[in-house]
Amino acid sequence: MEKLILVYLIITFSENTSESAIFFLITEKVSCVYQGKTFVIEAQNNSAHAPYIQSATLNGKVLDKWYIRHSDIAAGAHLKLIMDENPNKNWGRTEN
């Protein structure tokens, strides 16, 4: 049986907006190419019962923010999300 993830993602390709919020996507792994660079999103522990992000890394480094920068997407990046059935109310609270 194929596993699906429920991940929230908005990719904003605007020079006026430098941040992109994690919004909504249903898949196990997705790649997109933007200006010749590949941006990959994947999740671990994904299931219909685990829609909440517990933690995330961007290019192997801890991501504590609820958004990523447009420059990260444009440069090509690997966003890895750890999913769970319960929300992590501390994840995504960092502003910087």
PDB file of N, CA and C in Angstrom:
ATOM      1  N   MET A   1       0.837  -1.180   0.000  1.00  0.00           N
ATOM      2  CA  MET A   1       0.000   0.000   0.000  1.00  0.00           C
ATOM      3  C   MET A   1       0.885   1.248   0.000  1.00  0.00           C
ATOM      4  N   GLU A   2       0.561   2.194  -0.845  1.00  0.00           N
ATOM      5  CA  GLU A   2       1.325   3.427  -0.930  1.00  0.00           C
ATOM      6  C   GLU A   2       1.008   4.331   0.251  1.00  0.00           C
ATOM      7  N   LYS A   3       2.053   4.901   0.848  1.00  0.00           N
ATOM      8  CA  LYS A   3       1.856   5.824   1.959  1.00  0.00           C
ATOM      9  C   LYS A   3       1.760   7.248   1.416  1.00  0.00           C
ATOM     10  N   LEU A   4       0.915   8.031   2.006  1.00  0.00           N
ATOM     11  CA  LEU A   4       0.760   9.425   1.622  1.00  0.00           C
ATOM     12  C   LEU A   4       1.088  10.315   2.807  1.00  0.00           C
ATOM     13  N   ILE A   5       1.527  11.510   2.526  1.00  0.00           N
ATOM     14  CA  ILE A   5       1.743  12.478   3.595  1.00  0.00           C
ATOM     15  C   ILE A   5       0.805  13.653   3.391  1.00  0.00           C
ATOM     16  N   LEU A   6       0.526  14.303   4.460  1.00  0.00           N
ATOM     17  CA  LEU A   6      -0.260  15.519   4.435  1.00  0.00           C
ATOM     18  C   LEU A   6       0.661  16.608   4.957  1.00  0.00           C
ATOM     19  N   VAL A   7       1.125  17.438   4.073  1.00  0.00           N
ATOM     20  CA  VAL A   7       2.070  18.491   4.405  1.00  0.00           C
ATOM     21  C   VAL A   7       1.531  19.789   3.841  1.00  0.00           C
ATOM     22  N   TYR A   8       1.663  20.850   4.588  1.00  0.00           N
ATOM     23  CA  TYR A   8       1.196  22.150   4.143  1.00  0.00           C
ATOM     24  C   TYR A   8       2.338  22.906   3.488  1.00  0.00           C
ATOM     25  N   LEU A   9       2.110  23.419   2.262  1.00  0.00           N
ATOM     26  CA  LEU A   9       3.166  24.117   1.547  1.00  0.00           C
ATOM     27  C   LEU A   9       2.587  25.153   0.597  1.00  0.00           C
ATOM     28  N   ILE A  10       3.117  26.353   0.672  1.00  0.00           N
ATOM     29  CA  ILE A  10       2.859  27.382  -0.333  1.00  0.00           C
ATOM     30  C   ILE A  10       4.226  27.804  -0.842  1.00  0.00           C
ATOM     31  N   ILE A  11       4.414  27.755  -2.134  1.00  0.00           N
ATOM     32  CA  ILE A  11       5.660  28.244  -2.706  1.00  0.00           C
ATOM     33  C   ILE A  11       5.346  29.559  -3.398  1.00  0.00           C
ATOM     34  N   THR A  12       5.976  30.620  -2.935  1.00  0.00           N
ATOM     35  CA  THR A  12       5.744  31.946  -3.474  1.00  0.00           C
ATOM     36  C   THR A  12       6.941  32.344  -4.320  1.00  0.00           C
ATOM     37  N   PHE A  13       6.750  32.479  -5.607  1.00  0.00           N
ATOM     38  CA  PHE A  13       7.840  32.846  -6.504  1.00  0.00           C
ATOM     39  C   PHE A  13       7.752  34.333  -6.824  1.00  0.00           C
ATOM     40  N   SER A  14       7.838  35.147  -5.807  1.00  0.00           N
ATOM     41  CA  SER A  14       7.740  36.590  -5.952  1.00  0.00           C
ATOM     42  C   SER A  14       8.969  37.253  -5.369  1.00  0.00           C
ATOM     43  N   GLU A  15       9.501  38.218  -6.068  1.00  0.00           N
ATOM     44  CA  GLU A  15      10.649  38.964  -5.542  1.00  0.00           C
ATOM     45  C   GLU A  15      10.260  39.815  -4.342  1.00  0.00           C
ATOM     46  N   ASN A  16       8.980  40.137  -4.216  1.00  0.00           N
ATOM     47  CA  ASN A  16       8.518  40.981  -3.115  1.00  0.00           C
ATOM     48  C   ASN A  16       8.300  40.202  -1.828  1.00  0.00           C
ATOM     49  N   THR A  17       8.189  38.884  -1.934  1.00  0.00           N
ATOM     50  CA  THR A  17       7.964  38.039  -0.771  1.00  0.00           C
ATOM     51  C   THR A  17       9.115  37.062  -0.666  1.00  0.00           C
ATOM     52  N   SER A  18       9.855  37.121   0.438  1.00  0.00           N
ATOM     53  CA  SER A  18      11.035  36.261   0.548  1.00  0.00           C
ATOM     54  C   SER A  18      10.765  34.993   1.346  1.00  0.00           C
ATOM     55  N   GLU A  19       9.590  34.871   1.979  1.00  0.00           N
ATOM     56  CA  GLU A  19       9.280  33.692   2.767  1.00  0.00           C
ATOM     57  C   GLU A  19       8.144  32.903   2.138  1.00  0.00           C
ATOM     58  N   SER A  20       8.218  31.591   2.287  1.00  0.00           N
ATOM     59  CA  SER A  20       7.176  30.694   1.777  1.00  0.00           C
ATOM     60  C   SER A  20       6.691  29.837   2.933  1.00  0.00           C
ATOM     61  N   ALA A  21       5.415  29.877   3.220  1.00  0.00           N
ATOM     62  CA  ALA A  21       4.851  29.119   4.336  1.00  0.00           C
ATOM     63  C   ALA A  21       4.657  27.665   3.939  1.00  0.00           C
ATOM     64  N   ILE A  22       4.792  26.786   4.908  1.00  0.00           N
ATOM     65  CA  ILE A  22       4.483  25.387   4.676  1.00  0.00           C
ATOM     66  C   ILE A  22       2.965  25.262   4.741  1.00  0.00           C
ATOM     67  N   PHE A  23       2.326  24.832   3.657  1.00  0.00           N
ATOM     68  CA  PHE A  23       0.872  24.882   3.547  1.00  0.00           C
ATOM     69  C   PHE A  23       0.231  23.524   3.306  1.00  0.00           C
ATOM     70  N   PHE A  24       0.032  23.041   2.091  1.00  0.00           N
ATOM     71  CA  PHE A  24      -0.725  21.796   1.898  1.00  0.00           C
ATOM     72  C   PHE A  24      -0.236  21.018   0.681  1.00  0.00           C
ATOM     73  N   LEU A  25       0.062  19.758   0.875  1.00  0.00           N
ATOM     74  CA  LEU A  25       0.505  18.880  -0.190  1.00  0.00           C
ATOM     75  C   LEU A  25       0.231  17.452   0.236  1.00  0.00           C
ATOM     76  N   ILE A  26      -0.301  16.649  -0.656  1.00  0.00           N
ATOM     77  CA  ILE A  26      -0.511  15.237  -0.332  1.00  0.00           C
ATOM     78  C   ILE A  26       0.319  14.411  -1.307  1.00  0.00           C
ATOM     79  N   THR A  27       1.392  13.857  -0.802  1.00  0.00           N
ATOM     80  CA  THR A  27       2.258  12.967  -1.557  1.00  0.00           C
ATOM     81  C   THR A  27       3.310  12.424  -0.615  1.00  0.00           C
ATOM     82  N   GLU A  28       4.091  11.457  -1.052  1.00  0.00           N
ATOM     83  CA  GLU A  28       5.165  10.919  -0.215  1.00  0.00           C
ATOM     84  C   GLU A  28       6.437  11.723  -0.385  1.00  0.00           C
ATOM     85  N   LYS A  29       6.717  12.089  -1.630  1.00  0.00           N
ATOM     86  CA  LYS A  29       7.908  12.867  -1.947  1.00  0.00           C
ATOM     87  C   LYS A  29       7.620  13.637  -3.219  1.00  0.00           C
ATOM     88  N   VAL A  30       8.048  14.869  -3.255  1.00  0.00           N
ATOM     89  CA  VAL A  30       7.811  15.683  -4.444  1.00  0.00           C
ATOM     90  C   VAL A  30       9.074  16.482  -4.756  1.00  0.00           C
ATOM     91  N   SER A  31       9.326  16.649  -6.029  1.00  0.00           N
ATOM     92  CA  SER A  31      10.445  17.470  -6.499  1.00  0.00           C
ATOM     93  C   SER A  31       9.895  18.462  -7.505  1.00  0.00           C
ATOM     94  N   CYS A  32      10.412  19.663  -7.464  1.00  0.00           N
ATOM     95  CA  CYS A  32      10.058  20.640  -8.490  1.00  0.00           C
ATOM     96  C   CYS A  32      11.337  21.342  -8.924  1.00  0.00           C
ATOM     97  N   VAL A  33      11.365  21.749 -10.172  1.00  0.00           N
ATOM     98  CA  VAL A  33      12.529  22.438 -10.717  1.00  0.00           C
ATOM     99  C   VAL A  33      12.142  23.887 -10.947  1.00  0.00           C
ATOM    100  N   TYR A  34      12.953  24.779 -10.411  1.00  0.00           N
ATOM    101  CA  TYR A  34      12.727  26.220 -10.546  1.00  0.00           C
ATOM    102  C   TYR A  34      14.040  26.841 -11.005  1.00  0.00           C
ATOM    103  N   GLN A  35      14.033  27.454 -12.156  1.00  0.00           N
ATOM    104  CA  GLN A  35      15.212  28.084 -12.744  1.00  0.00           C
ATOM    105  C   GLN A  35      16.406  27.124 -12.756  1.00  0.00           C
ATOM    106  N   GLY A  36      16.146  25.873 -13.111  1.00  0.00           N
ATOM    107  CA  GLY A  36      17.200  24.889 -13.250  1.00  0.00           C
ATOM    108  C   GLY A  36      17.662  24.231 -11.963  1.00  0.00           C
ATOM    109  N   LYS A  37      17.115  24.607 -10.821  1.00  0.00           N
ATOM    110  CA  LYS A  37      17.482  24.032  -9.529  1.00  0.00           C
ATOM    111  C   LYS A  37      16.333  23.188  -9.009  1.00  0.00           C
ATOM    112  N   THR A  38      16.660  22.075  -8.347  1.00  0.00           N
ATOM    113  CA  THR A  38      15.636  21.151  -7.854  1.00  0.00           C
ATOM    114  C   THR A  38      15.368  21.364  -6.377  1.00  0.00           C
ATOM    115  N   PHE A  39      14.101  21.482  -6.042  1.00  0.00           N
ATOM    116  CA  PHE A  39      13.639  21.611  -4.664  1.00  0.00           C
ATOM    117  C   PHE A  39      12.866  20.330  -4.339  1.00  0.00           C
ATOM    118  N   VAL A  40      13.300  19.613  -3.293  1.00  0.00           N
ATOM    119  CA  VAL A  40      12.705  18.324  -2.922  1.00  0.00           C
ATOM    120  C   VAL A  40      12.047  18.451  -1.552  1.00  0.00           C
ATOM    121  N   ILE A  41      10.853  17.885  -1.421  1.00  0.00           N
ATOM    122  CA  ILE A  41      10.151  17.808  -0.141  1.00  0.00           C
ATOM    123  C   ILE A  41       9.840  16.345   0.114  1.00  0.00           C
ATOM    124  N   GLU A  42      10.197  15.849   1.285  1.00  0.00           N
ATOM    125  CA  GLU A  42       9.840  14.482   1.657  1.00  0.00           C
ATOM    126  C   GLU A  42       9.468  14.442   3.127  1.00  0.00           C
ATOM    127  N   ALA A  43       8.810  13.355   3.518  1.00  0.00           N
ATOM    128  CA  ALA A  43       8.378  13.222   4.908  1.00  0.00           C
ATOM    129  C   ALA A  43       8.643  11.809   5.410  1.00  0.00           C
ATOM    130  N   GLN A  44       8.871  11.712   6.705  1.00  0.00           N
ATOM    131  CA  GLN A  44       9.023  10.414   7.360  1.00  0.00           C
ATOM    132  C   GLN A  44       7.857  10.211   8.300  1.00  0.00           C
ATOM    133  N   ASN A  45       7.550   8.944   8.586  1.00  0.00           N
ATOM    134  CA  ASN A  45       6.465   8.578   9.511  1.00  0.00           C
ATOM    135  C   ASN A  45       5.118   9.091   9.020  1.00  0.00           C
ATOM    136  N   ASN A  46       4.946   9.115   7.732  1.00  0.00           N
ATOM    137  CA  ASN A  46       3.729   9.680   7.171  1.00  0.00           C
ATOM    138  C   ASN A  46       2.611   8.647   7.074  1.00  0.00           C
ATOM    139  N   SER A  47       1.425   9.104   7.352  1.00  0.00           N
ATOM    140  CA  SER A  47       0.222   8.293   7.178  1.00  0.00           C
ATOM    141  C   SER A  47      -0.976   9.220   7.268  1.00  0.00           C
ATOM    142  N   ALA A  48      -2.127   8.687   6.986  1.00  0.00           N
ATOM    143  CA  ALA A  48      -3.349   9.481   7.098  1.00  0.00           C
ATOM    144  C   ALA A  48      -3.591   9.918   8.537  1.00  0.00           C
ATOM    145  N   HIS A  49      -2.990   9.209   9.489  1.00  0.00           N
ATOM    146  CA  HIS A  49      -3.171   9.529  10.907  1.00  0.00           C
ATOM    147  C   HIS A  49      -2.049  10.378  11.474  1.00  0.00           C
ATOM    148  N   ALA A  50      -1.108  10.802  10.629  1.00  0.00           N
ATOM    149  CA  ALA A  50       0.033  11.594  11.098  1.00  0.00           C
ATOM    150  C   ALA A  50       0.193  12.850  10.239  1.00  0.00           C
ATOM    151  N   PRO A  51      -0.751  13.795  10.348  1.00  0.00           N
ATOM    152  CA  PRO A  51      -0.700  14.986   9.495  1.00  0.00           C
ATOM    153  C   PRO A  51       0.115  16.149  10.050  1.00  0.00           C
ATOM    154  N   TYR A  52       0.710  15.987  11.234  1.00  0.00           N
ATOM    155  CA  TYR A  52       1.361  17.118  11.894  1.00  0.00           C
ATOM    156  C   TYR A  52       2.882  17.051  11.775  1.00  0.00           C
ATOM    157  N   ILE A  53       3.490  18.192  11.531  1.00  0.00           N
ATOM    158  CA  ILE A  53       4.942  18.283  11.461  1.00  0.00           C
ATOM    159  C   ILE A  53       5.501  18.297  12.878  1.00  0.00           C
ATOM    160  N   GLN A  54       6.405  17.364  13.149  1.00  0.00           N
ATOM    161  CA  GLN A  54       7.075  17.307  14.451  1.00  0.00           C
ATOM    162  C   GLN A  54       8.387  18.067  14.421  1.00  0.00           C
ATOM    163  N   SER A  55       9.107  17.920  13.323  1.00  0.00           N
ATOM    164  CA  SER A  55      10.375  18.617  13.143  1.00  0.00           C
ATOM    165  C   SER A  55      10.682  18.649  11.659  1.00  0.00           C
ATOM    166  N   ALA A  56      11.656  19.469  11.303  1.00  0.00           N
ATOM    167  CA  ALA A  56      12.020  19.605   9.902  1.00  0.00           C
ATOM    168  C   ALA A  56      13.499  19.933   9.781  1.00  0.00           C
ATOM    169  N   THR A  57      14.070  19.535   8.648  1.00  0.00           N
ATOM    170  CA  THR A  57      15.423  19.958   8.312  1.00  0.00           C
ATOM    171  C   THR A  57      15.398  20.509   6.897  1.00  0.00           C
ATOM    172  N   LEU A  58      16.263  21.458   6.661  1.00  0.00           N
ATOM    173  CA  LEU A  58      16.455  22.021   5.333  1.00  0.00           C
ATOM    174  C   LEU A  58      17.923  21.847   4.995  1.00  0.00           C
ATOM    175  N   ASN A  59      18.202  21.046   3.990  1.00  0.00           N
ATOM    176  CA  ASN A  59      19.578  20.703   3.609  1.00  0.00           C
ATOM    177  C   ASN A  59      20.359  20.134   4.788  1.00  0.00           C
ATOM    178  N   GLY A  60      19.675  19.321   5.616  1.00  0.00           N
ATOM    179  CA  GLY A  60      20.325  18.650   6.734  1.00  0.00           C
ATOM    180  C   GLY A  60      20.460  19.479   8.004  1.00  0.00           C
ATOM    181  N   LYS A  61      20.030  20.727   7.972  1.00  0.00           N
ATOM    182  CA  LYS A  61      20.108  21.593   9.153  1.00  0.00           C
ATOM    183  C   LYS A  61      18.717  21.770   9.753  1.00  0.00           C
ATOM    184  N   VAL A  62      18.639  21.814  11.074  1.00  0.00           N
ATOM    185  CA  VAL A  62      17.357  21.946  11.772  1.00  0.00           C
ATOM    186  C   VAL A  62      16.621  23.197  11.300  1.00  0.00           C
ATOM    187  N   LEU A  63      15.337  23.032  11.006  1.00  0.00           N
ATOM    188  CA  LEU A  63      14.468  24.135  10.599  1.00  0.00           C
ATOM    189  C   LEU A  63      13.405  24.292  11.677  1.00  0.00           C
ATOM    190  N   ASP A  64      13.470  25.379  12.440  1.00  0.00           N
ATOM    191  CA  ASP A  64      12.513  25.637  13.517  1.00  0.00           C
ATOM    192  C   ASP A  64      11.438  26.637  13.122  1.00  0.00           C
ATOM    193  N   LYS A  65      11.540  27.203  11.937  1.00  0.00           N
ATOM    194  CA  LYS A  65      10.578  28.203  11.478  1.00  0.00           C
ATOM    195  C   LYS A  65       9.437  27.525  10.715  1.00  0.00           C
ATOM    196  N   TRP A  66       8.310  28.186  10.623  1.00  0.00           N
ATOM    197  CA  TRP A  66       7.158  27.666   9.893  1.00  0.00           C
ATOM    198  C   TRP A  66       7.251  28.011   8.411  1.00  0.00           C
ATOM    199  N   TYR A  67       8.312  28.684   8.015  1.00  0.00           N
ATOM    200  CA  TYR A  67       8.470  29.098   6.628  1.00  0.00           C
ATOM    201  C   TYR A  67       9.899  28.824   6.167  1.00  0.00           C
ATOM    202  N   ILE A  68      10.082  28.862   4.860  1.00  0.00           N
ATOM    203  CA  ILE A  68      11.412  28.820   4.274  1.00  0.00           C
ATOM    204  C   ILE A  68      11.549  30.022   3.352  1.00  0.00           C
ATOM    205  N   ARG A  69      12.761  30.393   3.067  1.00  0.00           N
ATOM    206  CA  ARG A  69      13.010  31.573   2.235  1.00  0.00           C
ATOM    207  C   ARG A  69      12.945  31.200   0.750  1.00  0.00           C
ATOM    208  N   HIS A  70      12.464  32.143  -0.024  1.00  0.00           N
ATOM    209  CA  HIS A  70      12.413  31.973  -1.469  1.00  0.00           C
ATOM    210  C   HIS A  70      13.802  31.650  -2.011  1.00  0.00           C
ATOM    211  N   SER A  71      14.827  32.258  -1.455  1.00  0.00           N
ATOM    212  CA  SER A  71      16.200  32.022  -1.918  1.00  0.00           C
ATOM    213  C   SER A  71      16.613  30.564  -1.720  1.00  0.00           C
ATOM    214  N   ASP A  72      16.087  29.903  -0.677  1.00  0.00           N
ATOM    215  CA  ASP A  72      16.378  28.480  -0.469  1.00  0.00           C
ATOM    216  C   ASP A  72      15.763  27.631  -1.576  1.00  0.00           C
ATOM    217  N   ILE A  73      14.552  27.951  -1.951  1.00  0.00           N
ATOM    218  CA  ILE A  73      13.882  27.220  -3.022  1.00  0.00           C
ATOM    219  C   ILE A  73      14.600  27.472  -4.344  1.00  0.00           C
ATOM    220  N   ALA A  74      14.896  28.737  -4.629  1.00  0.00           N
ATOM    221  CA  ALA A  74      15.524  29.108  -5.892  1.00  0.00           C
ATOM    222  C   ALA A  74      16.918  28.506  -6.038  1.00  0.00           C
ATOM    223  N   ALA A  75      17.619  28.296  -4.919  1.00  0.00           N
ATOM    224  CA  ALA A  75      18.973  27.731  -4.959  1.00  0.00           C
ATOM    225  C   ALA A  75      18.951  26.215  -5.087  1.00  0.00           C
ATOM    226  N   GLY A  76      17.781  25.616  -4.877  1.00  0.00           N
ATOM    227  CA  GLY A  76      17.676  24.160  -4.830  1.00  0.00           C
ATOM    228  C   GLY A  76      17.889  23.729  -3.390  1.00  0.00           C
ATOM    229  N   ALA A  77      17.005  22.895  -2.881  1.00  0.00           N
ATOM    230  CA  ALA A  77      17.092  22.510  -1.474  1.00  0.00           C
ATOM    231  C   ALA A  77      16.382  21.186  -1.258  1.00  0.00           C
ATOM    232  N   HIS A  78      16.610  20.622  -0.075  1.00  0.00           N
ATOM    233  CA  HIS A  78      15.955  19.382   0.334  1.00  0.00           C
ATOM    234  C   HIS A  78      15.281  19.650   1.683  1.00  0.00           C
ATOM    235  N   LEU A  79      13.957  19.677   1.683  1.00  0.00           N
ATOM    236  CA  LEU A  79      13.167  19.887   2.891  1.00  0.00           C
ATOM    237  C   LEU A  79      12.664  18.534   3.369  1.00  0.00           C
ATOM    238  N   LYS A  80      13.069  18.134   4.572  1.00  0.00           N
ATOM    239  CA  LYS A  80      12.656  16.850   5.140  1.00  0.00           C
ATOM    240  C   LYS A  80      11.800  17.120   6.368  1.00  0.00           C
ATOM    241  N   LEU A  81      10.619  16.505   6.398  1.00  0.00           N
ATOM    242  CA  LEU A  81       9.663  16.708   7.477  1.00  0.00           C
ATOM    243  C   LEU A  81       9.431  15.398   8.221  1.00  0.00           C
ATOM    244  N   ILE A  82       9.382  15.460   9.534  1.00  0.00           N
ATOM    245  CA  ILE A  82       9.042  14.313  10.372  1.00  0.00           C
ATOM    246  C   ILE A  82       7.606  14.528  10.825  1.00  0.00           C
ATOM    247  N   MET A  83       6.741  13.569  10.507  1.00  0.00           N
ATOM    248  CA  MET A  83       5.314  13.710  10.762  1.00  0.00           C
ATOM    249  C   MET A  83       4.889  12.865  11.955  1.00  0.00           C
ATOM    250  N   ASP A  84       3.737  13.243  12.588  1.00  0.00           N
ATOM    251  CA  ASP A  84       3.207  12.491  13.710  1.00  0.00           C
ATOM    252  C   ASP A  84       1.702  12.732  13.808  1.00  0.00           C
ATOM    253  N   GLU A  85       1.039  11.920  14.610  1.00  0.00           N
ATOM    254  CA  GLU A  85      -0.415  12.062  14.784  1.00  0.00           C
ATOM    255  C   GLU A  85      -0.785  13.199  15.726  1.00  0.00           C
ATOM    256  N   ASN A  86       0.161  13.673  16.520  1.00  0.00           N
ATOM    257  CA  ASN A  86      -0.093  14.778  17.445  1.00  0.00           C
ATOM    258  C   ASN A  86       0.716  16.003  17.051  1.00  0.00           C
ATOM    259  N   PRO A  87       0.146  17.185  17.191  1.00  0.00           N
ATOM    260  CA  PRO A  87       0.895  18.384  16.833  1.00  0.00           C
ATOM    261  C   PRO A  87       2.034  18.661  17.816  1.00  0.00           C
ATOM    262  N   ASN A  88       3.130  19.163  17.299  1.00  0.00           N
ATOM    263  CA  ASN A  88       4.226  19.658  18.130  1.00  0.00           C
ATOM    264  C   ASN A  88       3.991  21.157  18.257  1.00  0.00           C
ATOM    265  N   LYS A  89       3.478  21.586  19.367  1.00  0.00           N
ATOM    266  CA  LYS A  89       3.096  22.989  19.540  1.00  0.00           C
ATOM    267  C   LYS A  89       4.286  23.915  19.669  1.00  0.00           C
ATOM    268  N   ASN A  90       5.496  23.361  19.757  1.00  0.00           N
ATOM    269  CA  ASN A  90       6.702  24.188  19.827  1.00  0.00           C
ATOM    270  C   ASN A  90       7.365  24.363  18.477  1.00  0.00           C
ATOM    271  N   TRP A  91       7.057  23.485  17.515  1.00  0.00           N
ATOM    272  CA  TRP A  91       7.686  23.600  16.205  1.00  0.00           C
ATOM    273  C   TRP A  91       7.115  24.789  15.453  1.00  0.00           C
ATOM    274  N   GLY A  92       7.979  25.493  14.764  1.00  0.00           N
ATOM    275  CA  GLY A  92       7.537  26.612  13.930  1.00  0.00           C
ATOM    276  C   GLY A  92       7.353  27.911  14.673  1.00  0.00           C
ATOM    277  N   ARG A  93       7.813  28.006  15.897  1.00  0.00           N
ATOM    278  CA  ARG A  93       7.638  29.222  16.682  1.00  0.00           C
ATOM    279  C   ARG A  93       8.799  30.181  16.576  1.00  0.00           C
ATOM    280  N   THR A  94       9.934  29.726  16.025  1.00  0.00           N
ATOM    281  CA  THR A  94      11.102  30.583  15.890  1.00  0.00           C
ATOM    282  C   THR A  94      10.851  31.606  14.801  1.00  0.00           C
ATOM    283  N   GLU A  95      11.198  32.849  15.053  1.00  0.00           N
ATOM    284  CA  GLU A  95      10.960  33.920  14.080  1.00  0.00           C
ATOM    285  C   GLU A  95      12.176  34.200  13.217  1.00  0.00           C
ATOM    286  N   ASN A  96      13.371  33.899  13.681  1.00  0.00           N
ATOM    287  CA  ASN A  96      14.573  34.250  12.911  1.00  0.00           C
ATOM    288  C   ASN A  96      15.110  33.075  12.165  1.00  0.00           C
TER     289      ASN A  96
END
